[in-house]
Amino acid sequence: MRAVARLITRLVALVVVLALLTVAVVAGRIVLEARADDRRAADAIVVLGAAQYDGEPQAFLTARLEHALELYQDGVAPHVITVGGARPGDRFSEAEAGERWLVAHDVPEGDVEPVPRGGNTLASMSAVAVLMREQGWRSAVVVTDPWHSLRSTEMLRHQGRDAWSSPTRTGPANDGPGVAVRYTTRETGAYLYWLWQRVTT
């Protein structure tokens, strides 16, 4: 019995160690991707949605749009895809708010493609992939907050598109070490949950 108990204890310890290593590896990848800026030439720039109020982007979304505008003006891609649905009662979706902001900042309306769908990152990236296939676009640079970059970019890759990340360096998501730790922790859990969904569905 003692031998069996020792074996069980060792197996439990091994499982715990492997779980901790997995979490550490994922967190490390999130941090590395957050620090990267892979603004290579692409077919489109994808801006992930965030809060808007009556068509006016709020702080998180404004920071993302400002960075996307910079990439567009630098010639990274000829098209900008704005993403995000609307909450009940909203007059505008996050995608429409992003489109309005970009057009107001001199991006031609024909160069902006709003995708007003998706209540979460996976649904948004699935909708983006559909649009990209319809338009014949293969590649995209994804703009979001640094800690969200790994998961969102890999979700688009999983949809069969080439994707690279260029996260924003301004806005509330860049407000110091405390924010970095909080968002890295949250994204680690979200990334592992997404991997679990891929395995089990």
N, C-alpha and C. Protein backbone atom coordinates (compact mmCIF):
# COMPACT_ATOMS: atom_id res chain seq x y z
N MET A 1 0.81 -1.22 0.00
CA MET A 1 0.00 0.00 0.00
C MET A 1 0.85 1.27 0.00
N ARG A 2 1.94 1.20 0.78
CA ARG A 2 2.81 2.38 0.82
C ARG A 2 3.41 2.67 -0.55
N ALA A 3 3.77 1.60 -1.27
CA ALA A 3 4.34 1.78 -2.61
C ALA A 3 3.32 2.42 -3.55
N VAL A 4 2.07 2.00 -3.45
CA VAL A 4 1.00 2.57 -4.28
C VAL A 4 0.79 4.04 -3.92
N ALA A 5 0.79 4.33 -2.62
CA ALA A 5 0.60 5.72 -2.17
C ALA A 5 1.72 6.61 -2.67
N ARG A 6 2.95 6.09 -2.60
CA ARG A 6 4.10 6.88 -3.10
C ARG A 6 3.97 7.13 -4.60
N LEU A 7 3.53 6.10 -5.34
CA LEU A 7 3.37 6.24 -6.78
C LEU A 7 2.32 7.31 -7.10
N ILE A 8 1.20 7.26 -6.40
CA ILE A 8 0.14 8.25 -6.62
C ILE A 8 0.64 9.66 -6.30
N THR A 9 1.37 9.77 -5.19
CA THR A 9 1.92 11.08 -4.80
C THR A 9 2.85 11.62 -5.87
N ARG A 10 3.69 10.75 -6.41
CA ARG A 10 4.62 11.18 -7.46
C ARG A 10 3.89 11.58 -8.73
N LEU A 11 2.85 10.81 -9.08
CA LEU A 11 2.08 11.15 -10.28
C LEU A 11 1.37 12.49 -10.12
N VAL A 12 0.80 12.71 -8.94
CA VAL A 12 0.14 14.00 -8.68
C VAL A 12 1.15 15.13 -8.76
N ALA A 13 2.31 14.92 -8.16
CA ALA A 13 3.36 15.94 -8.19
C ALA A 13 3.79 16.22 -9.63
N LEU A 14 3.90 15.17 -10.44
CA LEU A 14 4.29 15.34 -11.84
C LEU A 14 3.25 16.14 -12.60
N VAL A 15 1.98 15.83 -12.37
CA VAL A 15 0.90 16.56 -13.04
C VAL A 15 0.94 18.04 -12.64
N VAL A 16 1.15 18.32 -11.38
CA VAL A 16 1.21 19.71 -10.90
C VAL A 16 2.38 20.45 -11.53
N VAL A 17 3.54 19.78 -11.58
CA VAL A 17 4.72 20.40 -12.18
C VAL A 17 4.49 20.69 -13.66
N LEU A 18 3.91 19.73 -14.38
CA LEU A 18 3.63 19.93 -15.80
C LEU A 18 2.63 21.07 -16.02
N ALA A 19 1.62 21.13 -15.16
CA ALA A 19 0.64 22.22 -15.26
C ALA A 19 1.29 23.57 -15.04
N LEU A 20 2.14 23.66 -14.03
CA LEU A 20 2.82 24.92 -13.74
C LEU A 20 3.76 25.31 -14.87
N LEU A 21 4.45 24.32 -15.45
CA LEU A 21 5.33 24.61 -16.59
C LEU A 21 4.53 25.11 -17.78
N THR A 22 3.38 24.49 -18.02
CA THR A 22 2.53 24.92 -19.13
C THR A 22 2.08 26.37 -18.95
N VAL A 23 1.64 26.69 -17.74
CA VAL A 23 1.22 28.06 -17.45
C VAL A 23 2.37 29.04 -17.64
N ALA A 24 3.56 28.65 -17.16
CA ALA A 24 4.72 29.52 -17.28
C ALA A 24 5.11 29.74 -18.74
N VAL A 25 5.06 28.69 -19.54
CA VAL A 25 5.41 28.81 -20.96
C VAL A 25 4.42 29.73 -21.68
N VAL A 26 3.13 29.54 -21.42
CA VAL A 26 2.12 30.37 -22.07
C VAL A 26 2.27 31.83 -21.63
N ALA A 27 2.46 32.06 -20.34
CA ALA A 27 2.64 33.43 -19.86
C ALA A 27 3.88 34.07 -20.50
N GLY A 28 4.94 33.30 -20.64
CA GLY A 28 6.15 33.81 -21.27
C GLY A 28 5.92 34.18 -22.72
N ARG A 29 5.16 33.35 -23.43
CA ARG A 29 4.84 33.64 -24.84
C ARG A 29 3.99 34.90 -24.95
N ILE A 30 3.06 35.09 -24.02
CA ILE A 30 2.22 36.28 -24.04
C ILE A 30 3.07 37.53 -23.85
N VAL A 31 4.01 37.47 -22.92
CA VAL A 31 4.88 38.63 -22.66
C VAL A 31 5.77 38.91 -23.86
N LEU A 32 6.33 37.89 -24.46
CA LEU A 32 7.19 38.08 -25.63
C LEU A 32 6.42 38.69 -26.80
N GLU A 33 5.20 38.19 -27.02
CA GLU A 33 4.38 38.72 -28.11
C GLU A 33 3.97 40.15 -27.82
N ALA A 34 3.74 40.45 -26.54
CA ALA A 34 3.36 41.82 -26.16
C ALA A 34 4.47 42.81 -26.47
N ARG A 35 5.72 42.36 -26.39
CA ARG A 35 6.85 43.24 -26.64
C ARG A 35 7.23 43.33 -28.12
N ALA A 36 6.66 42.46 -28.93
CA ALA A 36 7.02 42.42 -30.35
C ALA A 36 6.28 43.50 -31.13
N ASP A 37 6.76 43.78 -32.32
CA ASP A 37 6.06 44.69 -33.23
C ASP A 37 6.39 44.24 -34.65
N ASP A 38 5.58 43.33 -35.16
CA ASP A 38 5.86 42.69 -36.44
C ASP A 38 5.01 43.35 -37.53
N ARG A 39 5.35 44.60 -37.83
CA ARG A 39 4.55 45.38 -38.78
C ARG A 39 4.99 45.16 -40.21
N ARG A 40 5.03 43.92 -40.65
CA ARG A 40 5.42 43.62 -42.03
C ARG A 40 4.27 43.94 -42.99
N ALA A 41 4.59 44.05 -44.27
CA ALA A 41 3.58 44.36 -45.27
C ALA A 41 2.53 43.26 -45.31
N ALA A 42 1.25 43.67 -45.39
CA ALA A 42 0.15 42.72 -45.37
C ALA A 42 -0.99 43.23 -46.23
N ASP A 43 -2.01 42.40 -46.38
CA ASP A 43 -3.19 42.81 -47.14
C ASP A 43 -4.09 43.74 -46.33
N ALA A 44 -4.10 43.55 -45.02
CA ALA A 44 -5.02 44.35 -44.20
C ALA A 44 -4.47 44.52 -42.79
N ILE A 45 -4.94 45.55 -42.13
CA ILE A 45 -4.71 45.78 -40.71
C ILE A 45 -6.02 45.48 -40.00
N VAL A 46 -5.98 44.63 -38.99
CA VAL A 46 -7.18 44.25 -38.25
C VAL A 46 -7.14 44.94 -36.88
N VAL A 47 -8.17 45.74 -36.60
CA VAL A 47 -8.26 46.44 -35.32
C VAL A 47 -9.34 45.76 -34.47
N LEU A 48 -8.93 45.16 -33.36
CA LEU A 48 -9.90 44.52 -32.47
C LEU A 48 -10.74 45.57 -31.76
N GLY A 49 -12.01 45.28 -31.59
CA GLY A 49 -12.93 46.22 -30.99
C GLY A 49 -12.75 46.34 -29.48
N ALA A 50 -13.28 47.42 -28.95
CA ALA A 50 -13.33 47.68 -27.51
C ALA A 50 -14.45 48.69 -27.29
N ALA A 51 -14.59 49.17 -26.07
CA ALA A 51 -15.75 49.97 -25.72
C ALA A 51 -15.89 51.22 -26.58
N GLN A 52 -17.14 51.52 -26.92
CA GLN A 52 -17.48 52.76 -27.60
C GLN A 52 -18.77 53.29 -26.98
N TYR A 53 -18.97 54.60 -27.07
CA TYR A 53 -20.18 55.20 -26.52
C TYR A 53 -20.85 56.05 -27.59
N ASP A 54 -21.98 55.57 -28.07
CA ASP A 54 -22.74 56.30 -29.09
C ASP A 54 -21.88 56.66 -30.29
N GLY A 55 -21.07 55.71 -30.72
CA GLY A 55 -20.24 55.92 -31.90
C GLY A 55 -18.89 56.51 -31.64
N GLU A 56 -18.61 56.89 -30.39
CA GLU A 56 -17.32 57.48 -30.04
C GLU A 56 -16.45 56.44 -29.33
N PRO A 57 -15.31 56.08 -29.93
CA PRO A 57 -14.42 55.11 -29.28
C PRO A 57 -13.96 55.61 -27.92
N GLN A 58 -13.94 54.72 -26.94
CA GLN A 58 -13.41 55.05 -25.63
C GLN A 58 -11.91 54.74 -25.59
N ALA A 59 -11.29 54.86 -24.43
CA ALA A 59 -9.83 54.91 -24.35
C ALA A 59 -9.12 53.71 -24.95
N PHE A 60 -9.57 52.50 -24.63
CA PHE A 60 -8.90 51.31 -25.17
C PHE A 60 -8.97 51.28 -26.69
N LEU A 61 -10.17 51.53 -27.22
CA LEU A 61 -10.36 51.48 -28.67
C LEU A 61 -9.64 52.62 -29.37
N THR A 62 -9.64 53.79 -28.78
CA THR A 62 -8.94 54.93 -29.38
C THR A 62 -7.45 54.63 -29.54
N ALA A 63 -6.84 54.04 -28.51
CA ALA A 63 -5.42 53.72 -28.59
C ALA A 63 -5.15 52.74 -29.74
N ARG A 64 -6.02 51.76 -29.90
CA ARG A 64 -5.85 50.79 -30.99
C ARG A 64 -6.02 51.47 -32.36
N LEU A 65 -7.01 52.34 -32.46
CA LEU A 65 -7.25 53.01 -33.74
C LEU A 65 -6.11 53.95 -34.10
N GLU A 66 -5.56 54.64 -33.13
CA GLU A 66 -4.43 55.53 -33.40
C GLU A 66 -3.24 54.74 -33.93
N HIS A 67 -3.01 53.56 -33.37
CA HIS A 67 -1.89 52.74 -33.85
C HIS A 67 -2.18 52.20 -35.25
N ALA A 68 -3.41 51.78 -35.48
CA ALA A 68 -3.78 51.28 -36.82
C ALA A 68 -3.63 52.38 -37.86
N LEU A 69 -4.00 53.61 -37.49
CA LEU A 69 -3.85 54.74 -38.41
C LEU A 69 -2.38 54.95 -38.74
N GLU A 70 -1.53 54.87 -37.75
CA GLU A 70 -0.09 55.00 -37.99
C GLU A 70 0.41 53.93 -38.96
N LEU A 71 -0.02 52.69 -38.76
CA LEU A 71 0.39 51.61 -39.66
C LEU A 71 -0.11 51.85 -41.07
N TYR A 72 -1.36 52.28 -41.19
CA TYR A 72 -1.93 52.57 -42.52
C TYR A 72 -1.15 53.68 -43.20
N GLN A 73 -0.87 54.75 -42.48
CA GLN A 73 -0.14 55.87 -43.06
C GLN A 73 1.28 55.49 -43.44
N ASP A 74 1.85 54.51 -42.73
CA ASP A 74 3.20 54.02 -43.05
C ASP A 74 3.21 53.02 -44.20
N GLY A 75 2.04 52.71 -44.75
CA GLY A 75 1.96 51.82 -45.90
C GLY A 75 2.06 50.34 -45.57
N VAL A 76 1.78 49.97 -44.32
CA VAL A 76 1.86 48.55 -43.94
C VAL A 76 0.82 47.74 -44.69
N ALA A 77 -0.38 48.29 -44.87
CA ALA A 77 -1.44 47.59 -45.59
C ALA A 77 -2.38 48.61 -46.21
N PRO A 78 -3.04 48.27 -47.33
CA PRO A 78 -3.94 49.22 -47.98
C PRO A 78 -5.37 49.20 -47.44
N HIS A 79 -5.66 48.27 -46.53
CA HIS A 79 -7.02 48.15 -46.00
C HIS A 79 -6.97 48.04 -44.47
N VAL A 80 -8.00 48.55 -43.82
CA VAL A 80 -8.15 48.43 -42.37
C VAL A 80 -9.48 47.74 -42.08
N ILE A 81 -9.44 46.68 -41.32
CA ILE A 81 -10.66 45.97 -40.91
C ILE A 81 -10.95 46.32 -39.45
N THR A 82 -12.09 46.94 -39.20
CA THR A 82 -12.50 47.22 -37.83
C THR A 82 -13.48 46.15 -37.39
N VAL A 83 -13.35 45.72 -36.14
CA VAL A 83 -14.09 44.54 -35.69
C VAL A 83 -14.84 44.85 -34.39
N GLY A 84 -15.96 44.18 -34.21
CA GLY A 84 -16.66 44.24 -32.94
C GLY A 84 -18.14 44.51 -33.08
N GLY A 85 -18.94 43.79 -32.30
CA GLY A 85 -20.38 43.92 -32.37
C GLY A 85 -20.91 45.05 -31.50
N ALA A 86 -22.23 45.05 -31.33
CA ALA A 86 -22.90 46.07 -30.53
C ALA A 86 -23.63 45.39 -29.37
N ARG A 87 -23.72 46.10 -28.27
CA ARG A 87 -24.51 45.62 -27.14
C ARG A 87 -25.96 46.04 -27.33
N PRO A 88 -26.88 45.34 -26.68
CA PRO A 88 -28.29 45.72 -26.79
C PRO A 88 -28.52 47.19 -26.45
N GLY A 89 -29.21 47.88 -27.33
CA GLY A 89 -29.49 49.30 -27.12
C GLY A 89 -28.50 50.24 -27.76
N ASP A 90 -27.34 49.72 -28.19
CA ASP A 90 -26.34 50.58 -28.83
C ASP A 90 -26.79 50.98 -30.23
N ARG A 91 -26.52 52.21 -30.61
CA ARG A 91 -26.81 52.66 -31.97
C ARG A 91 -25.70 52.25 -32.94
N PHE A 92 -24.50 52.06 -32.40
CA PHE A 92 -23.36 51.73 -33.24
C PHE A 92 -22.64 50.50 -32.68
N SER A 93 -22.07 49.74 -33.57
CA SER A 93 -21.20 48.64 -33.14
C SER A 93 -19.80 49.18 -32.92
N GLU A 94 -18.97 48.37 -32.28
CA GLU A 94 -17.56 48.75 -32.11
C GLU A 94 -16.89 48.92 -33.47
N ALA A 95 -17.23 48.04 -34.42
CA ALA A 95 -16.65 48.13 -35.76
C ALA A 95 -17.04 49.44 -36.45
N GLU A 96 -18.31 49.82 -36.31
CA GLU A 96 -18.78 51.06 -36.93
C GLU A 96 -18.15 52.29 -36.27
N ALA A 97 -18.00 52.24 -34.97
CA ALA A 97 -17.33 53.35 -34.27
C ALA A 97 -15.89 53.49 -34.75
N GLY A 98 -15.22 52.36 -34.92
CA GLY A 98 -13.85 52.40 -35.43
C GLY A 98 -13.78 52.93 -36.84
N GLU A 99 -14.72 52.50 -37.69
CA GLU A 99 -14.76 53.00 -39.07
C GLU A 99 -14.97 54.50 -39.10
N ARG A 100 -15.92 55.00 -38.32
CA ARG A 100 -16.19 56.44 -38.27
C ARG A 100 -14.96 57.22 -37.84
N TRP A 101 -14.25 56.72 -36.84
CA TRP A 101 -13.05 57.40 -36.34
C TRP A 101 -11.98 57.46 -37.42
N LEU A 102 -11.74 56.35 -38.10
CA LEU A 102 -10.70 56.31 -39.13
C LEU A 102 -11.03 57.23 -40.30
N VAL A 103 -12.28 57.20 -40.73
CA VAL A 103 -12.69 58.08 -41.84
C VAL A 103 -12.55 59.54 -41.43
N ALA A 104 -12.88 59.84 -40.18
CA ALA A 104 -12.73 61.21 -39.68
C ALA A 104 -11.28 61.64 -39.61
N HIS A 105 -10.36 60.65 -39.62
CA HIS A 105 -8.93 60.95 -39.59
C HIS A 105 -8.28 60.68 -40.95
N ASP A 106 -9.09 60.88 -41.99
CA ASP A 106 -8.61 60.95 -43.37
C ASP A 106 -8.25 59.60 -44.00
N VAL A 107 -8.75 58.51 -43.46
CA VAL A 107 -8.62 57.23 -44.16
C VAL A 107 -9.81 57.13 -45.10
N PRO A 108 -9.58 56.92 -46.41
CA PRO A 108 -10.71 56.82 -47.34
C PRO A 108 -11.69 55.74 -46.92
N GLU A 109 -12.97 56.06 -47.03
CA GLU A 109 -14.01 55.12 -46.59
C GLU A 109 -13.89 53.78 -47.28
N GLY A 110 -13.47 53.79 -48.55
CA GLY A 110 -13.32 52.54 -49.29
C GLY A 110 -12.20 51.65 -48.80
N ASP A 111 -11.30 52.21 -47.98
CA ASP A 111 -10.18 51.42 -47.46
C ASP A 111 -10.49 50.80 -46.09
N VAL A 112 -11.69 51.09 -45.55
CA VAL A 112 -12.07 50.57 -44.24
C VAL A 112 -13.20 49.56 -44.41
N GLU A 113 -13.02 48.39 -43.83
CA GLU A 113 -14.03 47.34 -43.89
C GLU A 113 -14.50 47.01 -42.48
N PRO A 114 -15.68 47.48 -42.08
CA PRO A 114 -16.18 47.14 -40.74
C PRO A 114 -16.76 45.73 -40.72
N VAL A 115 -16.48 45.02 -39.65
CA VAL A 115 -17.05 43.69 -39.42
C VAL A 115 -17.80 43.78 -38.09
N PRO A 116 -19.06 44.19 -38.11
CA PRO A 116 -19.80 44.44 -36.87
C PRO A 116 -20.37 43.18 -36.23
N ARG A 117 -19.52 42.19 -36.06
CA ARG A 117 -19.95 40.93 -35.47
C ARG A 117 -18.90 40.47 -34.47
N GLY A 118 -19.34 39.63 -33.57
CA GLY A 118 -18.42 39.03 -32.62
C GLY A 118 -18.52 39.62 -31.23
N GLY A 119 -18.95 38.80 -30.28
CA GLY A 119 -19.01 39.23 -28.89
C GLY A 119 -17.79 38.81 -28.11
N ASN A 120 -16.86 38.10 -28.76
CA ASN A 120 -15.61 37.70 -28.13
C ASN A 120 -14.54 37.59 -29.21
N THR A 121 -13.31 37.36 -28.80
CA THR A 121 -12.20 37.38 -29.75
C THR A 121 -12.33 36.30 -30.81
N LEU A 122 -12.73 35.10 -30.40
CA LEU A 122 -12.83 34.00 -31.36
C LEU A 122 -13.90 34.29 -32.42
N ALA A 123 -15.06 34.76 -31.98
CA ALA A 123 -16.12 35.08 -32.94
C ALA A 123 -15.69 36.20 -33.88
N SER A 124 -14.98 37.19 -33.32
CA SER A 124 -14.50 38.30 -34.15
C SER A 124 -13.51 37.82 -35.20
N MET A 125 -12.56 37.00 -34.79
CA MET A 125 -11.55 36.53 -35.73
C MET A 125 -12.13 35.59 -36.77
N SER A 126 -13.14 34.83 -36.39
CA SER A 126 -13.82 33.98 -37.37
C SER A 126 -14.49 34.84 -38.44
N ALA A 127 -15.14 35.93 -38.00
CA ALA A 127 -15.80 36.83 -38.95
C ALA A 127 -14.78 37.54 -39.83
N VAL A 128 -13.65 37.93 -39.25
CA VAL A 128 -12.58 38.56 -40.03
C VAL A 128 -12.06 37.60 -41.10
N ALA A 129 -11.87 36.35 -40.73
CA ALA A 129 -11.36 35.36 -41.69
C ALA A 129 -12.33 35.17 -42.85
N VAL A 130 -13.63 35.19 -42.55
CA VAL A 130 -14.63 35.07 -43.63
C VAL A 130 -14.49 36.24 -44.59
N LEU A 131 -14.41 37.45 -44.07
CA LEU A 131 -14.25 38.64 -44.93
C LEU A 131 -12.97 38.54 -45.74
N MET A 132 -11.88 38.15 -45.12
CA MET A 132 -10.61 38.08 -45.83
C MET A 132 -10.66 37.06 -46.97
N ARG A 133 -11.31 35.93 -46.73
CA ARG A 133 -11.45 34.95 -47.81
C ARG A 133 -12.30 35.51 -48.94
N GLU A 134 -13.37 36.21 -48.59
CA GLU A 134 -14.24 36.80 -49.62
C GLU A 134 -13.50 37.83 -50.46
N GLN A 135 -12.61 38.59 -49.81
CA GLN A 135 -11.87 39.64 -50.51
C GLN A 135 -10.59 39.12 -51.18
N GLY A 136 -10.24 37.87 -50.91
CA GLY A 136 -9.01 37.32 -51.45
C GLY A 136 -7.77 37.80 -50.73
N TRP A 137 -7.94 38.23 -49.47
CA TRP A 137 -6.81 38.72 -48.68
C TRP A 137 -6.23 37.58 -47.85
N ARG A 138 -4.94 37.43 -47.90
CA ARG A 138 -4.28 36.32 -47.23
C ARG A 138 -3.66 36.71 -45.88
N SER A 139 -3.20 37.94 -45.76
CA SER A 139 -2.38 38.30 -44.59
C SER A 139 -2.91 39.53 -43.88
N ALA A 140 -2.60 39.60 -42.58
CA ALA A 140 -3.06 40.74 -41.79
C ALA A 140 -2.10 41.03 -40.64
N VAL A 141 -2.02 42.31 -40.28
CA VAL A 141 -1.34 42.73 -39.06
C VAL A 141 -2.43 43.05 -38.05
N VAL A 142 -2.37 42.41 -36.90
CA VAL A 142 -3.42 42.53 -35.89
C VAL A 142 -3.04 43.60 -34.86
N VAL A 143 -3.94 44.54 -34.65
CA VAL A 143 -3.72 45.61 -33.67
C VAL A 143 -4.68 45.41 -32.51
N THR A 144 -4.12 45.25 -31.33
CA THR A 144 -4.89 45.16 -30.11
C THR A 144 -3.97 45.55 -28.96
N ASP A 145 -4.40 45.31 -27.72
CA ASP A 145 -3.54 45.60 -26.59
C ASP A 145 -2.41 44.57 -26.52
N PRO A 146 -1.28 44.92 -25.95
CA PRO A 146 -0.11 44.02 -25.97
C PRO A 146 -0.39 42.62 -25.45
N TRP A 147 -1.11 42.52 -24.35
CA TRP A 147 -1.31 41.23 -23.69
C TRP A 147 -2.33 40.37 -24.42
N HIS A 148 -3.07 40.97 -25.32
CA HIS A 148 -4.10 40.28 -26.10
C HIS A 148 -3.56 39.81 -27.45
N SER A 149 -2.33 40.18 -27.76
CA SER A 149 -1.79 39.97 -29.11
C SER A 149 -1.62 38.50 -29.47
N LEU A 150 -1.06 37.70 -28.57
CA LEU A 150 -0.79 36.30 -28.89
C LEU A 150 -2.07 35.56 -29.22
N ARG A 151 -3.05 35.65 -28.36
CA ARG A 151 -4.29 34.88 -28.56
C ARG A 151 -5.03 35.33 -29.82
N SER A 152 -5.17 36.62 -30.01
CA SER A 152 -5.92 37.10 -31.17
C SER A 152 -5.21 36.75 -32.47
N THR A 153 -3.90 36.90 -32.50
CA THR A 153 -3.15 36.59 -33.72
C THR A 153 -3.21 35.09 -34.03
N GLU A 154 -3.05 34.26 -33.02
CA GLU A 154 -3.09 32.82 -33.27
C GLU A 154 -4.48 32.36 -33.66
N MET A 155 -5.51 32.99 -33.15
CA MET A 155 -6.87 32.64 -33.57
C MET A 155 -7.08 32.90 -35.05
N LEU A 156 -6.53 34.01 -35.55
CA LEU A 156 -6.66 34.30 -36.97
C LEU A 156 -5.84 33.32 -37.80
N ARG A 157 -4.65 32.97 -37.32
CA ARG A 157 -3.85 31.96 -38.01
C ARG A 157 -4.58 30.63 -38.07
N HIS A 158 -5.26 30.29 -36.98
CA HIS A 158 -6.01 29.03 -36.93
C HIS A 158 -7.15 29.02 -37.95
N GLN A 159 -7.58 30.21 -38.38
CA GLN A 159 -8.61 30.31 -39.40
C GLN A 159 -8.02 30.28 -40.81
N GLY A 160 -6.72 30.01 -40.92
CA GLY A 160 -6.10 29.84 -42.22
C GLY A 160 -5.54 31.10 -42.85
N ARG A 161 -5.40 32.16 -42.05
CA ARG A 161 -4.82 33.41 -42.57
C ARG A 161 -3.42 33.60 -41.99
N ASP A 162 -2.56 34.30 -42.73
CA ASP A 162 -1.25 34.69 -42.19
C ASP A 162 -1.45 35.94 -41.33
N ALA A 163 -0.96 35.89 -40.11
CA ALA A 163 -1.21 37.01 -39.20
C ALA A 163 0.01 37.31 -38.35
N TRP A 164 0.25 38.62 -38.14
CA TRP A 164 1.34 39.09 -37.29
C TRP A 164 0.78 40.18 -36.38
N SER A 165 1.44 40.42 -35.28
CA SER A 165 0.90 41.39 -34.32
C SER A 165 1.73 42.66 -34.26
N SER A 166 1.02 43.77 -34.08
CA SER A 166 1.65 45.07 -33.83
C SER A 166 0.79 45.77 -32.78
N PRO A 167 1.02 45.48 -31.51
CA PRO A 167 0.16 46.01 -30.46
C PRO A 167 0.35 47.50 -30.21
N THR A 168 -0.68 48.10 -29.68
CA THR A 168 -0.60 49.51 -29.31
C THR A 168 0.32 49.71 -28.11
N ARG A 169 1.00 50.83 -28.06
CA ARG A 169 1.89 51.15 -26.94
C ARG A 169 1.33 52.29 -26.08
N THR A 170 0.09 52.67 -26.33
CA THR A 170 -0.54 53.74 -25.55
C THR A 170 -1.86 53.20 -24.99
N GLY A 171 -2.53 54.04 -24.23
CA GLY A 171 -3.82 53.66 -23.69
C GLY A 171 -3.75 52.95 -22.36
N PRO A 172 -4.91 52.65 -21.77
CA PRO A 172 -4.97 52.06 -20.43
C PRO A 172 -4.27 50.72 -20.29
N ALA A 173 -4.12 49.98 -21.38
CA ALA A 173 -3.48 48.66 -21.29
C ALA A 173 -1.97 48.77 -21.09
N ASN A 174 -1.44 49.97 -21.17
CA ASN A 174 0.00 50.19 -21.00
C ASN A 174 0.31 51.06 -19.79
N ASP A 175 -0.50 50.91 -18.76
CA ASP A 175 -0.39 51.79 -17.59
C ASP A 175 0.45 51.22 -16.45
N GLY A 176 1.52 50.51 -16.77
CA GLY A 176 2.44 50.10 -15.73
C GLY A 176 2.45 48.63 -15.41
N PRO A 177 3.36 48.21 -14.53
CA PRO A 177 3.56 46.79 -14.20
C PRO A 177 2.32 46.11 -13.64
N GLY A 178 1.55 46.81 -12.83
CA GLY A 178 0.35 46.20 -12.25
C GLY A 178 -0.63 45.79 -13.31
N VAL A 179 -0.82 46.65 -14.30
CA VAL A 179 -1.71 46.34 -15.42
C VAL A 179 -1.15 45.16 -16.22
N ALA A 180 0.15 45.17 -16.43
CA ALA A 180 0.78 44.08 -17.19
C ALA A 180 0.56 42.73 -16.52
N VAL A 181 0.76 42.68 -15.20
CA VAL A 181 0.58 41.42 -14.47
C VAL A 181 -0.88 40.97 -14.54
N ARG A 182 -1.79 41.89 -14.33
CA ARG A 182 -3.21 41.55 -14.34
C ARG A 182 -3.66 41.01 -15.69
N TYR A 183 -3.27 41.69 -16.76
CA TYR A 183 -3.70 41.26 -18.08
C TYR A 183 -2.98 40.00 -18.54
N THR A 184 -1.72 39.84 -18.17
CA THR A 184 -1.00 38.62 -18.52
C THR A 184 -1.65 37.41 -17.84
N THR A 185 -2.03 37.57 -16.58
CA THR A 185 -2.71 36.49 -15.86
C THR A 185 -4.03 36.13 -16.52
N ARG A 186 -4.81 37.15 -16.85
CA ARG A 186 -6.10 36.91 -17.50
C ARG A 186 -5.93 36.25 -18.86
N GLU A 187 -4.99 36.75 -19.64
CA GLU A 187 -4.78 36.20 -20.98
C GLU A 187 -4.22 34.78 -20.95
N THR A 188 -3.42 34.47 -19.93
CA THR A 188 -2.92 33.10 -19.80
C THR A 188 -4.08 32.13 -19.64
N GLY A 189 -5.02 32.48 -18.77
CA GLY A 189 -6.19 31.64 -18.59
C GLY A 189 -7.03 31.55 -19.85
N ALA A 190 -7.22 32.66 -20.53
CA ALA A 190 -8.04 32.68 -21.75
C ALA A 190 -7.38 31.87 -22.87
N TYR A 191 -6.06 31.98 -22.98
CA TYR A 191 -5.35 31.23 -24.02
C TYR A 191 -5.44 29.74 -23.75
N LEU A 192 -5.23 29.32 -22.50
CA LEU A 192 -5.31 27.90 -22.15
C LEU A 192 -6.73 27.37 -22.37
N TYR A 193 -7.73 28.18 -22.06
CA TYR A 193 -9.12 27.76 -22.29
C TYR A 193 -9.38 27.56 -23.78
N TRP A 194 -8.85 28.48 -24.60
CA TRP A 194 -9.02 28.33 -26.06
C TRP A 194 -8.35 27.05 -26.55
N LEU A 195 -7.15 26.76 -26.06
CA LEU A 195 -6.47 25.51 -26.44
C LEU A 195 -7.32 24.31 -26.02
N TRP A 196 -7.88 24.36 -24.83
CA TRP A 196 -8.73 23.27 -24.35
C TRP A 196 -9.95 23.09 -25.25
N GLN A 197 -10.54 24.18 -25.67
CA GLN A 197 -11.68 24.09 -26.59
C GLN A 197 -11.29 23.44 -27.91
N ARG A 198 -10.11 23.77 -28.41
CA ARG A 198 -9.65 23.18 -29.67
C ARG A 198 -9.46 21.68 -29.54
N VAL A 199 -9.00 21.23 -28.39
CA VAL A 199 -8.75 19.81 -28.18
C VAL A 199 -10.04 19.03 -27.98
N THR A 200 -11.01 19.64 -27.33
CA THR A 200 -12.21 18.91 -26.91
C THR A 200 -13.40 19.07 -27.86
N THR A 201 -13.28 19.94 -28.86
CA THR A 201 -14.42 20.13 -29.78
C THR A 201 -14.02 19.78 -31.20
